[in-house]
Amino acid sequence: MNVNSERKFALAAIAVSIALTTAPVLAAGDKEKCYGIAKAGKNDCASSDGAHSCAGQAKADNLATEWKYVAKGTCEKEGGKTTPPGRK
C-alpha cells in the first residue's frame, strides 16, 4: 500500500466511524423510549432502576424498567409506556 492509498483508507475509516456514531443521534428525533416492551436481551440501553447500564441485558420479556426506541406515537399502541415506572 502506498502513502496515498493509506491516507484514503484512513479517511474512509474515519468517515464510517462518524456516520455510525451520529446516525443514532439523528434518528432519535423521530423516536421515543418505550418502557415495558423490550424482549429479553433486546433492550436499547440501561434499565430505569439501575439494574444494569448496557443494551442487551434485559433478563426477561416486557419488564417495566426496560425500554427500547420506537417510532414516536407508537409506544402505547405496542402496549408500552413513555415514562419509566414510578414517574407520571
PDB file of N, CA and C in Angstrom:
ATOM      1  N   MET A   1       0.837  -1.169   0.000  1.00  0.00           N
ATOM      2  CA  MET A   1       0.000   0.000   0.000  1.00  0.00           C
ATOM      3  C   MET A   1       0.893   1.247   0.000  1.00  0.00           C
ATOM      4  N   ASN A   2       0.614   2.178  -0.871  1.00  0.00           N
ATOM      5  CA  ASN A   2       1.397   3.411  -0.866  1.00  0.00           C
ATOM      6  C   ASN A   2       0.765   4.427   0.086  1.00  0.00           C
ATOM      7  N   VAL A   3       1.448   5.538   0.304  1.00  0.00           N
ATOM      8  CA  VAL A   3       1.003   6.554   1.251  1.00  0.00           C
ATOM      9  C   VAL A   3      -0.374   7.101   0.871  1.00  0.00           C
ATOM     10  N   ASN A   4      -0.614   7.321  -0.411  1.00  0.00           N
ATOM     11  CA  ASN A   4      -1.895   7.854  -0.856  1.00  0.00           C
ATOM     12  C   ASN A   4      -3.033   6.874  -0.562  1.00  0.00           C
ATOM     13  N   SER A   5      -2.811   5.597  -0.795  1.00  0.00           N
ATOM     14  CA  SER A   5      -3.822   4.575  -0.510  1.00  0.00           C
ATOM     15  C   SER A   5      -4.091   4.485   0.986  1.00  0.00           C
ATOM     16  N   GLU A   6      -3.028   4.556   1.782  1.00  0.00           N
ATOM     17  CA  GLU A   6      -3.189   4.507   3.238  1.00  0.00           C
ATOM     18  C   GLU A   6      -4.003   5.697   3.733  1.00  0.00           C
ATOM     19  N   ARG A   7      -3.744   6.861   3.163  1.00  0.00           N
ATOM     20  CA  ARG A   7      -4.476   8.070   3.556  1.00  0.00           C
ATOM     21  C   ARG A   7      -5.957   7.926   3.202  1.00  0.00           C
ATOM     22  N   LYS A   8      -6.267   7.415   2.009  1.00  0.00           N
ATOM     23  CA  LYS A   8      -7.656   7.221   1.592  1.00  0.00           C
ATOM     24  C   LYS A   8      -8.355   6.220   2.505  1.00  0.00           C
ATOM     25  N   PHE A   9      -7.638   5.148   2.846  1.00  0.00           N
ATOM     26  CA  PHE A   9      -8.203   4.133   3.731  1.00  0.00           C
ATOM     27  C   PHE A   9      -8.503   4.735   5.107  1.00  0.00           C
ATOM     28  N   ALA A  10      -7.577   5.523   5.648  1.00  0.00           N
ATOM     29  CA  ALA A  10      -7.764   6.147   6.953  1.00  0.00           C
ATOM     30  C   ALA A  10      -8.938   7.120   6.924  1.00  0.00           C
ATOM     31  N   LEU A  11      -9.044   7.911   5.881  1.00  0.00           N
ATOM     32  CA  LEU A  11     -10.156   8.860   5.767  1.00  0.00           C
ATOM     33  C   LEU A  11     -11.490   8.131   5.653  1.00  0.00           C
ATOM     34  N   ALA A  12     -11.509   7.035   4.921  1.00  0.00           N
ATOM     35  CA  ALA A  12     -12.739   6.245   4.793  1.00  0.00           C
ATOM     36  C   ALA A  12     -13.134   5.659   6.146  1.00  0.00           C
ATOM     37  N   ALA A  13     -12.153   5.169   6.888  1.00  0.00           N
ATOM     38  CA  ALA A  13     -12.440   4.600   8.208  1.00  0.00           C
ATOM     39  C   ALA A  13     -12.996   5.667   9.150  1.00  0.00           C
ATOM     40  N   ILE A  14     -12.435   6.857   9.085  1.00  0.00           N
ATOM     41  CA  ILE A  14     -12.935   7.954   9.925  1.00  0.00           C
ATOM     42  C   ILE A  14     -14.361   8.323   9.528  1.00  0.00           C
ATOM     43  N   ALA A  15     -14.633   8.391   8.243  1.00  0.00           N
ATOM     44  CA  ALA A  15     -15.976   8.733   7.770  1.00  0.00           C
ATOM     45  C   ALA A  15     -16.999   7.704   8.235  1.00  0.00           C
ATOM     46  N   VAL A  16     -16.653   6.430   8.150  1.00  0.00           N
ATOM     47  CA  VAL A  16     -17.563   5.373   8.598  1.00  0.00           C
ATOM     48  C   VAL A  16     -17.803   5.493  10.096  1.00  0.00           C
ATOM     49  N   SER A  17     -16.751   5.744  10.846  1.00  0.00           N
ATOM     50  CA  SER A  17     -16.870   5.881  12.289  1.00  0.00           C
ATOM     51  C   SER A  17     -17.797   7.034  12.659  1.00  0.00           C
ATOM     52  N   ILE A  18     -17.642   8.158  12.006  1.00  0.00           N
ATOM     53  CA  ILE A  18     -18.507   9.312  12.266  1.00  0.00           C
ATOM     54  C   ILE A  18     -19.952   8.994  11.907  1.00  0.00           C
ATOM     55  N   ALA A  19     -20.153   8.352  10.781  1.00  0.00           N
ATOM     56  CA  ALA A  19     -21.514   8.007  10.348  1.00  0.00           C
ATOM     57  C   ALA A  19     -22.185   7.071  11.342  1.00  0.00           C
ATOM     58  N   LEU A  20     -21.446   6.101  11.846  1.00  0.00           N
ATOM     59  CA  LEU A  20     -22.024   5.139  12.783  1.00  0.00           C
ATOM     60  C   LEU A  20     -22.342   5.765  14.132  1.00  0.00           C
ATOM     61  N   THR A  21     -21.560   6.736  14.558  1.00  0.00           N
ATOM     62  CA  THR A  21     -21.817   7.337  15.866  1.00  0.00           C
ATOM     63  C   THR A  21     -22.869   8.429  15.814  1.00  0.00           C
ATOM     64  N   THR A  22     -23.065   9.076  14.685  1.00  0.00           N
ATOM     65  CA  THR A  22     -24.062  10.143  14.619  1.00  0.00           C
ATOM     66  C   THR A  22     -25.422   9.652  14.143  1.00  0.00           C
ATOM     67  N   ALA A  23     -25.502   8.535  13.471  1.00  0.00           N
ATOM     68  CA  ALA A  23     -26.780   8.039  12.959  1.00  0.00           C
ATOM     69  C   ALA A  23     -27.816   7.844  14.062  1.00  0.00           C
ATOM     70  N   PRO A  24     -27.474   7.211  15.207  1.00  0.00           N
ATOM     71  CA  PRO A  24     -28.483   7.067  16.251  1.00  0.00           C
ATOM     72  C   PRO A  24     -28.973   8.404  16.790  1.00  0.00           C
ATOM     73  N   VAL A  25     -28.098   9.384  16.878  1.00  0.00           N
ATOM     74  CA  VAL A  25     -28.495  10.703  17.376  1.00  0.00           C
ATOM     75  C   VAL A  25     -29.470  11.355  16.410  1.00  0.00           C
ATOM     76  N   LEU A  26     -29.189  11.275  15.129  1.00  0.00           N
ATOM     77  CA  LEU A  26     -30.071  11.868  14.131  1.00  0.00           C
ATOM     78  C   LEU A  26     -31.427  11.172  14.127  1.00  0.00           C
ATOM     79  N   ALA A  27     -31.418   9.869  14.259  1.00  0.00           N
ATOM     80  CA  ALA A  27     -32.662   9.108  14.218  1.00  0.00           C
ATOM     81  C   ALA A  27     -33.480   9.285  15.490  1.00  0.00           C
ATOM     82  N   ALA A  28     -32.843   9.629  16.596  1.00  0.00           N
ATOM     83  CA  ALA A  28     -33.542   9.732  17.873  1.00  0.00           C
ATOM     84  C   ALA A  28     -34.648  10.787  17.846  1.00  0.00           C
ATOM     85  N   GLY A  29     -34.565  11.776  16.971  1.00  0.00           N
ATOM     86  CA  GLY A  29     -35.600  12.797  16.882  1.00  0.00           C
ATOM     87  C   GLY A  29     -36.947  12.249  16.459  1.00  0.00           C
ATOM     88  N   ASP A  30     -36.955  11.156  15.736  1.00  0.00           N
ATOM     89  CA  ASP A  30     -38.187  10.533  15.272  1.00  0.00           C
ATOM     90  C   ASP A  30     -38.607   9.369  16.158  1.00  0.00           C
ATOM     91  N   LYS A  31     -37.881   9.171  17.243  1.00  0.00           N
ATOM     92  CA  LYS A  31     -38.126   8.017  18.108  1.00  0.00           C
ATOM     93  C   LYS A  31     -38.376   8.462  19.535  1.00  0.00           C
ATOM     94  N   GLU A  32     -38.914   7.545  20.330  1.00  0.00           N
ATOM     95  CA  GLU A  32     -39.108   7.786  21.754  1.00  0.00           C
ATOM     96  C   GLU A  32     -38.815   6.502  22.514  1.00  0.00           C
ATOM     97  N   LYS A  33     -38.429   6.662  23.778  1.00  0.00           N
ATOM     98  CA  LYS A  33     -38.209   5.497  24.632  1.00  0.00           C
ATOM     99  C   LYS A  33     -39.563   4.901  24.967  1.00  0.00           C
ATOM    100  N   CYS A  34     -39.637   3.591  24.890  1.00  0.00           N
ATOM    101  CA  CYS A  34     -40.874   2.889  25.219  1.00  0.00           C
ATOM    102  C   CYS A  34     -40.553   1.817  26.252  1.00  0.00           C
ATOM    103  N   TYR A  35     -41.092   1.987  27.455  1.00  0.00           N
ATOM    104  CA  TYR A  35     -40.839   1.068  28.559  1.00  0.00           C
ATOM    105  C   TYR A  35     -41.844  -0.072  28.554  1.00  0.00           C
ATOM    106  N   GLY A  36     -41.344  -1.258  28.883  1.00  0.00           N
ATOM    107  CA  GLY A  36     -42.218  -2.409  29.055  1.00  0.00           C
ATOM    108  C   GLY A  36     -42.459  -3.252  27.822  1.00  0.00           C
ATOM    109  N   ILE A  37     -41.764  -2.979  26.727  1.00  0.00           N
ATOM    110  CA  ILE A  37     -41.987  -3.784  25.518  1.00  0.00           C
ATOM    111  C   ILE A  37     -40.741  -4.535  25.051  1.00  0.00           C
ATOM    112  N   ALA A  38     -39.592  -4.245  25.655  1.00  0.00           N
ATOM    113  CA  ALA A  38     -38.347  -4.880  25.220  1.00  0.00           C
ATOM    114  C   ALA A  38     -38.361  -6.374  25.563  1.00  0.00           C
ATOM    115  N   LYS A  39     -37.906  -7.167  24.657  1.00  0.00           N
ATOM    116  CA  LYS A  39     -37.770  -8.605  24.891  1.00  0.00           C
ATOM    117  C   LYS A  39     -36.448  -8.863  25.614  1.00  0.00           C
ATOM    118  N   ALA A  40     -36.313 -10.008  26.254  1.00  0.00           N
ATOM    119  CA  ALA A  40     -35.087 -10.357  26.961  1.00  0.00           C
ATOM    120  C   ALA A  40     -33.888 -10.230  26.017  1.00  0.00           C
ATOM    121  N   GLY A  41     -32.890  -9.499  26.460  1.00  0.00           N
ATOM    122  CA  GLY A  41     -31.676  -9.318  25.667  1.00  0.00           C
ATOM    123  C   GLY A  41     -31.812  -8.355  24.511  1.00  0.00           C
ATOM    124  N   LYS A  42     -32.941  -7.677  24.379  1.00  0.00           N
ATOM    125  CA  LYS A  42     -33.185  -6.790  23.237  1.00  0.00           C
ATOM    126  C   LYS A  42     -33.460  -5.343  23.647  1.00  0.00           C
ATOM    127  N   ASN A  43     -33.168  -4.970  24.905  1.00  0.00           N
ATOM    128  CA  ASN A  43     -33.361  -3.582  25.334  1.00  0.00           C
ATOM    129  C   ASN A  43     -32.311  -2.691  24.678  1.00  0.00           C
ATOM    130  N   ASP A  44     -32.619  -1.390  24.575  1.00  0.00           N
ATOM    131  CA  ASP A  44     -31.703  -0.478  23.900  1.00  0.00           C
ATOM    132  C   ASP A  44     -30.645   0.131  24.798  1.00  0.00           C
ATOM    133  N   CYS A  45     -30.845   0.210  26.100  1.00  0.00           N
ATOM    134  CA  CYS A  45     -29.815   0.791  26.967  1.00  0.00           C
ATOM    135  C   CYS A  45     -30.113   0.440  28.415  1.00  0.00           C
ATOM    136  N   ALA A  46     -29.589   1.246  29.327  1.00  0.00           N
ATOM    137  CA  ALA A  46     -29.692   0.983  30.766  1.00  0.00           C
ATOM    138  C   ALA A  46     -31.136   0.875  31.241  1.00  0.00           C
ATOM    139  N   SER A  47     -31.337   0.050  32.260  1.00  0.00           N
ATOM    140  CA  SER A  47     -32.678  -0.054  32.844  1.00  0.00           C
ATOM    141  C   SER A  47     -32.945   1.172  33.705  1.00  0.00           C
ATOM    142  N   SER A  48     -34.197   1.524  33.872  1.00  0.00           N
ATOM    143  CA  SER A  48     -34.544   2.716  34.637  1.00  0.00           C
ATOM    144  C   SER A  48     -34.306   2.538  36.136  1.00  0.00           C
ATOM    145  N   ASP A  49     -34.196   1.301  36.610  1.00  0.00           N
ATOM    146  CA  ASP A  49     -33.973   1.060  38.037  1.00  0.00           C
ATOM    147  C   ASP A  49     -32.499   0.856  38.383  1.00  0.00           C
ATOM    148  N   GLY A  50     -31.620   0.985  37.400  1.00  0.00           N
ATOM    149  CA  GLY A  50     -30.190   0.849  37.646  1.00  0.00           C
ATOM    150  C   GLY A  50     -29.690  -0.582  37.745  1.00  0.00           C
ATOM    151  N   ALA A  51     -30.509  -1.551  37.366  1.00  0.00           N
ATOM    152  CA  ALA A  51     -30.101  -2.953  37.449  1.00  0.00           C
ATOM    153  C   ALA A  51     -28.922  -3.263  36.531  1.00  0.00           C
ATOM    154  N   HIS A  52     -28.785  -2.527  35.433  1.00  0.00           N
ATOM    155  CA  HIS A  52     -27.654  -2.662  34.518  1.00  0.00           C
ATOM    156  C   HIS A  52     -27.539  -1.380  33.713  1.00  0.00           C
ATOM    157  N   SER A  53     -26.417  -1.233  33.018  1.00  0.00           N
ATOM    158  CA  SER A  53     -26.187   0.025  32.299  1.00  0.00           C
ATOM    159  C   SER A  53     -25.930  -0.162  30.813  1.00  0.00           C
ATOM    160  N   CYS A  54     -26.289  -1.314  30.272  1.00  0.00           N
ATOM    161  CA  CYS A  54     -25.980  -1.557  28.854  1.00  0.00           C
ATOM    162  C   CYS A  54     -27.164  -2.144  28.093  1.00  0.00           C
ATOM    163  N   ALA A  55     -27.090  -1.968  26.785  1.00  0.00           N
ATOM    164  CA  ALA A  55     -28.083  -2.569  25.894  1.00  0.00           C
ATOM    165  C   ALA A  55     -27.928  -4.085  25.901  1.00  0.00           C
ATOM    166  N   GLY A  56     -29.017  -4.768  25.645  1.00  0.00           N
ATOM    167  CA  GLY A  56     -28.975  -6.219  25.502  1.00  0.00           C
ATOM    168  C   GLY A  56     -28.878  -6.987  26.806  1.00  0.00           C
ATOM    169  N   GLN A  57     -29.174  -6.350  27.938  1.00  0.00           N
ATOM    170  CA  GLN A  57     -29.045  -7.043  29.216  1.00  0.00           C
ATOM    171  C   GLN A  57     -30.365  -7.272  29.944  1.00  0.00           C
ATOM    172  N   ALA A  58     -31.482  -7.027  29.280  1.00  0.00           N
ATOM    173  CA  ALA A  58     -32.777  -7.303  29.910  1.00  0.00           C
ATOM    174  C   ALA A  58     -32.863  -8.798  30.195  1.00  0.00           C
ATOM    175  N   LYS A  59     -33.282  -9.138  31.403  1.00  0.00           N
ATOM    176  CA  LYS A  59     -33.321 -10.543  31.821  1.00  0.00           C
ATOM    177  C   LYS A  59     -34.601 -11.270  31.411  1.00  0.00           C
ATOM    178  N   ALA A  60     -35.671 -10.531  31.149  1.00  0.00           N
ATOM    179  CA  ALA A  60     -36.951 -11.155  30.793  1.00  0.00           C
ATOM    180  C   ALA A  60     -37.700 -10.244  29.829  1.00  0.00           C
ATOM    181  N   ASP A  61     -38.702 -10.778  29.188  1.00  0.00           N
ATOM    182  CA  ASP A  61     -39.533 -10.007  28.269  1.00  0.00           C
ATOM    183  C   ASP A  61     -40.419  -9.022  29.022  1.00  0.00           C
ATOM    184  N   ASN A  62     -40.607  -7.845  28.431  1.00  0.00           N
ATOM    185  CA  ASN A  62     -41.605  -6.859  28.854  1.00  0.00           C
ATOM    186  C   ASN A  62     -41.483  -6.357  30.293  1.00  0.00           C
ATOM    187  N   LEU A  63     -40.270  -6.274  30.809  1.00  0.00           N
ATOM    188  CA  LEU A  63     -40.081  -5.695  32.141  1.00  0.00           C
ATOM    189  C   LEU A  63     -40.359  -4.205  32.082  1.00  0.00           C
ATOM    190  N   ALA A  64     -41.062  -3.685  33.068  1.00  0.00           N
ATOM    191  CA  ALA A  64     -41.446  -2.274  33.070  1.00  0.00           C
ATOM    192  C   ALA A  64     -40.245  -1.332  33.101  1.00  0.00           C
ATOM    193  N   THR A  65     -39.114  -1.780  33.609  1.00  0.00           N
ATOM    194  CA  THR A  65     -37.921  -0.942  33.730  1.00  0.00           C
ATOM    195  C   THR A  65     -37.031  -0.973  32.495  1.00  0.00           C
ATOM    196  N   GLU A  66     -37.330  -1.844  31.552  1.00  0.00           N
ATOM    197  CA  GLU A  66     -36.534  -1.964  30.330  1.00  0.00           C
ATOM    198  C   GLU A  66     -37.218  -1.221  29.196  1.00  0.00           C
ATOM    199  N   TRP A  67     -36.421  -0.645  28.294  1.00  0.00           N
ATOM    200  CA  TRP A  67     -37.002   0.140  27.215  1.00  0.00           C
ATOM    201  C   TRP A  67     -36.267  -0.106  25.909  1.00  0.00           C
ATOM    202  N   LYS A  68     -36.920   0.305  24.854  1.00  0.00           N
ATOM    203  CA  LYS A  68     -36.306   0.330  23.530  1.00  0.00           C
ATOM    204  C   LYS A  68     -36.901   1.498  22.763  1.00  0.00           C
ATOM    205  N   TYR A  69     -36.176   1.961  21.760  1.00  0.00           N
ATOM    206  CA  TYR A  69     -36.687   3.050  20.932  1.00  0.00           C
ATOM    207  C   TYR A  69     -37.736   2.531  19.958  1.00  0.00           C
ATOM    208  N   VAL A  70     -38.790   3.307  19.810  1.00  0.00           N
ATOM    209  CA  VAL A  70     -39.838   3.025  18.820  1.00  0.00           C
ATOM    210  C   VAL A  70     -40.170   4.341  18.113  1.00  0.00           C
ATOM    211  N   ALA A  71     -40.844   4.263  17.009  1.00  0.00           N
ATOM    212  CA  ALA A  71     -41.267   5.471  16.297  1.00  0.00           C
ATOM    213  C   ALA A  71     -42.198   6.275  17.201  1.00  0.00           C
ATOM    214  N   LYS A  72     -42.027   7.600  17.179  1.00  0.00           N
ATOM    215  CA  LYS A  72     -42.875   8.462  18.006  1.00  0.00           C
ATOM    216  C   LYS A  72     -44.351   8.174  17.746  1.00  0.00           C
ATOM    217  N   GLY A  73     -45.105   8.109  18.838  1.00  0.00           N
ATOM    218  CA  GLY A  73     -46.544   7.897  18.732  1.00  0.00           C
ATOM    219  C   GLY A  73     -46.974   6.446  18.668  1.00  0.00           C
ATOM    220  N   THR A  74     -46.032   5.504  18.713  1.00  0.00           N
ATOM    221  CA  THR A  74     -46.404   4.094  18.594  1.00  0.00           C
ATOM    222  C   THR A  74     -46.249   3.302  19.883  1.00  0.00           C
ATOM    223  N   CYS A  75     -45.631   3.881  20.900  1.00  0.00           N
ATOM    224  CA  CYS A  75     -45.331   3.145  22.131  1.00  0.00           C
ATOM    225  C   CYS A  75     -46.581   2.543  22.774  1.00  0.00           C
ATOM    226  N   GLU A  76     -47.560   3.375  23.054  1.00  0.00           N
ATOM    227  CA  GLU A  76     -48.751   2.883  23.739  1.00  0.00           C
ATOM    228  C   GLU A  76     -49.534   1.897  22.882  1.00  0.00           C
ATOM    229  N   LYS A  77     -49.464   2.041  21.562  1.00  0.00           N
ATOM    230  CA  LYS A  77     -50.116   1.086  20.667  1.00  0.00           C
ATOM    231  C   LYS A  77     -49.478  -0.293  20.784  1.00  0.00           C
ATOM    232  N   GLU A  78     -48.173  -0.301  21.137  1.00  0.00           N
ATOM    233  CA  GLU A  78     -47.448  -1.564  21.290  1.00  0.00           C
ATOM    234  C   GLU A  78     -47.563  -2.124  22.702  1.00  0.00           C
ATOM    235  N   GLY A  79     -48.300  -1.421  23.572  1.00  0.00           N
ATOM    236  CA  GLY A  79     -48.517  -1.900  24.936  1.00  0.00           C
ATOM    237  C   GLY A  79     -47.536  -1.354  25.948  1.00  0.00           C
ATOM    238  N   GLY A  80     -46.724  -0.362  25.568  1.00  0.00           N
ATOM    239  CA  GLY A  80     -45.734   0.195  26.477  1.00  0.00           C
ATOM    240  C   GLY A  80     -46.130   1.546  27.029  1.00  0.00           C
ATOM    241  N   LYS A  81     -45.186   2.138  27.761  1.00  0.00           N
ATOM    242  CA  LYS A  81     -45.378   3.468  28.336  1.00  0.00           C
ATOM    243  C   LYS A  81     -44.155   4.315  28.011  1.00  0.00           C
ATOM    244  N   THR A  82     -44.373   5.616  27.844  1.00  0.00           N
ATOM    245  CA  THR A  82     -43.262   6.508  27.502  1.00  0.00           C
ATOM    246  C   THR A  82     -42.536   7.038  28.736  1.00  0.00           C
ATOM    247  N   THR A  83     -43.001   6.688  29.919  1.00  0.00           N
ATOM    248  CA  THR A  83     -42.325   7.085  31.147  1.00  0.00           C
ATOM    249  C   THR A  83     -41.945   5.833  31.934  1.00  0.00           C
ATOM    250  N   PRO A  84     -40.816   5.888  32.653  1.00  0.00           N
ATOM    251  CA  PRO A  84     -40.417   4.721  33.442  1.00  0.00           C
ATOM    252  C   PRO A  84     -41.365   4.515  34.618  1.00  0.00           C
ATOM    253  N   PRO A  85     -41.384   3.328  35.196  1.00  0.00           N
ATOM    254  CA  PRO A  85     -42.281   3.072  36.319  1.00  0.00           C
ATOM    255  C   PRO A  85     -41.959   4.007  37.492  1.00  0.00           C
ATOM    256  N   GLY A  86     -42.999   4.455  38.151  1.00  0.00           N
ATOM    257  CA  GLY A  86     -42.834   5.341  39.285  1.00  0.00           C
ATOM    258  C   GLY A  86     -42.833   6.812  38.920  1.00  0.00           C
ATOM    259  N   ARG A  87     -42.870   7.136  37.650  1.00  0.00           N
ATOM    260  CA  ARG A  87     -42.927   8.547  37.207  1.00  0.00           C
ATOM    261  C   ARG A  87     -44.224   8.778  36.469  1.00  0.00           C
ATOM    262  N   LYS A  88     -44.743   9.958  36.597  1.00  0.00           N
ATOM    263  CA  LYS A  88     -46.015  10.286  35.938  1.00  0.00           C
ATOM    264  C   LYS A  88     -45.775  11.069  34.675  1.00  0.00           C
TER     265      LYS A  88
END
